[in-house]
C-alpha atoms as a PDB file:
ATOM      1  CA  UNK A   1      23.711 -19.871 -80.603  1.00  0.00           C
ATOM      2  CA  UNK A   2      22.280 -17.034 -78.246  1.00  0.00           C
ATOM      3  CA  UNK A   3      20.371 -19.482 -76.298  1.00  0.00           C
ATOM      4  CA  UNK A   4      23.391 -20.873 -75.605  1.00  0.00           C
ATOM      5  CA  UNK A   5      24.934 -18.056 -74.461  1.00  0.00           C
ATOM      6  CA  UNK A   6      21.254 -17.150 -72.349  1.00  0.00           C
ATOM      7  CA  UNK A   7      21.307 -20.391 -70.339  1.00  0.00           C
ATOM      8  CA  UNK A   8      24.941 -19.944 -69.955  1.00  0.00           C
ATOM      9  CA  UNK A   9      24.904 -17.005 -67.888  1.00  0.00           C
ATOM     10  CA  UNK A  10      21.303 -18.047 -66.435  1.00  0.00           C
ATOM     11  CA  UNK A  11      23.278 -21.233 -64.613  1.00  0.00           C
ATOM     12  CA  UNK A  12      26.670 -19.547 -63.697  1.00  0.00           C
ATOM     13  CA  UNK A  13      23.934 -16.490 -62.093  1.00  0.00           C
ATOM     14  CA  UNK A  14      21.982 -18.866 -60.374  1.00  0.00           C
ATOM     15  CA  UNK A  15      24.839 -20.460 -58.542  1.00  0.00           C
ATOM     16  CA  UNK A  16      27.165 -18.573 -56.818  1.00  0.00           C
ATOM     17  CA  UNK A  17      29.839 -22.004 -56.727  1.00  0.00           C
ATOM     18  CA  UNK A  18      30.244 -22.532 -60.588  1.00  0.00           C
ATOM     19  CA  UNK A  19      30.484 -18.789 -61.017  1.00  0.00           C
ATOM     20  CA  UNK A  20      33.356 -18.638 -58.380  1.00  0.00           C
ATOM     21  CA  UNK A  21      35.247 -21.931 -59.485  1.00  0.00           C
ATOM     22  CA  UNK A  22      34.959 -20.173 -63.190  1.00  0.00           C
ATOM     23  CA  UNK A  23      37.010 -17.500 -61.730  1.00  0.00           C
ATOM     24  CA  UNK A  24      39.072 -19.064 -59.712  1.00  0.00           C
ATOM     25  CA  UNK A  25      40.616 -20.686 -63.106  1.00  0.00           C
ATOM     26  CA  UNK A  26      40.349 -18.034 -65.020  1.00  0.00           C
ATOM     27  CA  UNK A  27      42.529 -15.685 -62.627  1.00  0.00           C
ATOM     28  CA  UNK A  28      45.077 -18.450 -61.082  1.00  0.00           C
ATOM     29  CA  UNK A  29      46.180 -18.129 -65.401  1.00  0.00           C
ATOM     30  CA  UNK A  30      48.119 -14.843 -63.835  1.00  0.00           C
ATOM     31  CA  UNK A  31      49.747 -17.150 -61.795  1.00  0.00           C
ATOM     32  CA  UNK A  32      51.088 -19.676 -64.233  1.00  0.00           C
ATOM     33  CA  UNK A  33      54.081 -17.607 -65.505  1.00  0.00           C
ATOM     34  CA  UNK A  34      55.672 -17.620 -61.392  1.00  0.00           C
ATOM     35  CA  UNK A  35      54.442 -20.931 -59.967  1.00  0.00           C
ATOM     36  CA  UNK A  36      54.085 -22.663 -63.004  1.00  0.00           C
ATOM     37  CA  UNK A  37      50.804 -24.713 -64.956  1.00  0.00           C
ATOM     38  CA  UNK A  38      49.349 -26.138 -62.371  1.00  0.00           C
ATOM     39  CA  UNK A  39      50.574 -23.949 -59.000  1.00  0.00           C
ATOM     40  CA  UNK A  40      53.584 -27.030 -58.581  1.00  0.00           C
ATOM     41  CA  UNK A  41      56.519 -23.531 -57.900  1.00  0.00           C
ATOM     42  CA  UNK A  42      60.379 -24.682 -58.516  1.00  0.00           C
ATOM     43  CA  UNK A  43      63.445 -22.834 -58.449  1.00  0.00           C
ATOM     44  CA  UNK A  44      62.742 -20.990 -54.966  1.00  0.00           C
ATOM     45  CA  UNK A  45      59.224 -20.349 -56.053  1.00  0.00           C
ATOM     46  CA  UNK A  46      56.621 -22.005 -53.135  1.00  0.00           C
ATOM     47  CA  UNK A  47      54.014 -24.461 -54.371  1.00  0.00           C
ATOM     48  CA  UNK A  48      50.594 -23.199 -54.503  1.00  0.00           C
ATOM     49  CA  UNK A  49      49.178 -26.486 -55.953  1.00  0.00           C
ATOM     50  CA  UNK A  50      46.669 -27.917 -53.360  1.00  0.00           C
ATOM     51  CA  UNK A  51      46.762 -24.897 -51.216  1.00  0.00           C
ATOM     52  CA  UNK A  52      43.517 -26.941 -48.857  1.00  0.00           C
ATOM     53  CA  UNK A  53      43.881 -24.702 -46.672  1.00  0.00           C
ATOM     54  CA  UNK A  54      42.277 -21.539 -47.552  1.00  0.00           C
ATOM     55  CA  UNK A  55      42.212 -19.819 -44.651  1.00  0.00           C
ATOM     56  CA  UNK A  56      46.213 -19.782 -44.923  1.00  0.00           C
ATOM     57  CA  UNK A  57      45.694 -18.900 -48.935  1.00  0.00           C
ATOM     58  CA  UNK A  58      43.335 -15.492 -48.570  1.00  0.00           C
ATOM     59  CA  UNK A  59      45.918 -14.425 -44.872  1.00  0.00           C
ATOM     60  CA  UNK A  60      49.178 -15.136 -47.031  1.00  0.00           C
ATOM     61  CA  UNK A  61      47.249 -13.010 -49.961  1.00  0.00           C
ATOM     62  CA  UNK A  62      46.042 -10.223 -47.696  1.00  0.00           C
ATOM     63  CA  UNK A  63      49.588 -10.069 -45.924  1.00  0.00           C
ATOM     64  CA  UNK A  64      50.617  -9.059 -49.085  1.00  0.00           C
ATOM     65  CA  UNK A  65      48.479  -6.437 -50.427  1.00  0.00           C
ATOM     66  CA  UNK A  66      49.236  -4.488 -47.140  1.00  0.00           C
ATOM     67  CA  UNK A  67      53.021  -5.283 -46.968  1.00  0.00           C
ATOM     68  CA  UNK A  68      52.653  -7.358 -43.459  1.00  0.00           C
ATOM     69  CA  UNK A  69      54.966 -10.108 -45.716  1.00  0.00           C
ATOM     70  CA  UNK A  70      58.301  -8.687 -47.715  1.00  0.00           C
ATOM     71  CA  UNK A  71      58.621  -9.987 -51.291  1.00  0.00           C
ATOM     72  CA  UNK A  72      59.608  -7.901 -53.979  1.00  0.00           C
ATOM     73  CA  UNK A  73      56.771  -9.294 -56.683  1.00  0.00           C
ATOM     74  CA  UNK A  74      53.783 -10.544 -54.628  1.00  0.00           C
ATOM     75  CA  UNK A  75      53.018  -7.196 -52.374  1.00  0.00           C
ATOM     76  CA  UNK A  76      52.474  -6.018 -55.800  1.00  0.00           C
ATOM     77  CA  UNK A  77      49.932  -8.536 -58.027  1.00  0.00           C
ATOM     78  CA  UNK A  78      48.440  -8.961 -54.776  1.00  0.00           C
ATOM     79  CA  UNK A  79      47.447  -4.764 -54.738  1.00  0.00           C
ATOM     80  CA  UNK A  80      45.690  -6.012 -58.149  1.00  0.00           C
ATOM     81  CA  UNK A  81      43.375  -8.209 -56.120  1.00  0.00           C
ATOM     82  CA  UNK A  82      39.714  -7.833 -54.817  1.00  0.00           C
ATOM     83  CA  UNK A  83      38.812 -10.113 -51.433  1.00  0.00           C
ATOM     84  CA  UNK A  84      35.965 -11.849 -53.622  1.00  0.00           C
ATOM     85  CA  UNK A  85      39.508 -12.899 -56.245  1.00  0.00           C
ATOM     86  CA  UNK A  86      41.327 -13.869 -53.897  1.00  0.00           C
ATOM     87  CA  UNK A  87      38.868 -16.203 -52.421  1.00  0.00           C
ATOM     88  CA  UNK A  88      38.312 -17.273 -55.599  1.00  0.00           C
ATOM     89  CA  UNK A  89      42.139 -17.769 -56.506  1.00  0.00           C
ATOM     90  CA  UNK A  90      41.491 -20.145 -53.095  1.00  0.00           C
ATOM     91  CA  UNK A  91      38.921 -22.524 -53.585  1.00  0.00           C
ATOM     92  CA  UNK A  92      40.692 -22.952 -57.235  1.00  0.00           C
ATOM     93  CA  UNK A  93      44.334 -24.042 -55.342  1.00  0.00           C
ATOM     94  CA  UNK A  94      42.237 -26.027 -52.607  1.00  0.00           C
ATOM     95  CA  UNK A  95      41.094 -28.757 -55.387  1.00  0.00           C
ATOM     96  CA  UNK A  96      42.781 -31.423 -56.565  1.00  0.00           C
ATOM     97  CA  UNK A  97      45.068 -30.811 -59.631  1.00  0.00           C
END
């Protein structure tokens, strides 16, 4: 069991793309409460599923975080994410679900 854990740590440390994917998937769990399990949105909440333009996703999140894009919830939520976490979320939601 211990060797399996060590192997997983080494694999993730050696592959930033894998680590980013794992982090994005984990972070995306927090989005599900409002945007739905796969980010489909609904009932006035926009879809973030398959948001292929990662730069647009990052720009939107940064605008929410800086209070440049008014919203009752996303401004508060986005302030909890680092730039790296926002990039991981953008990569996660850019993938086909």
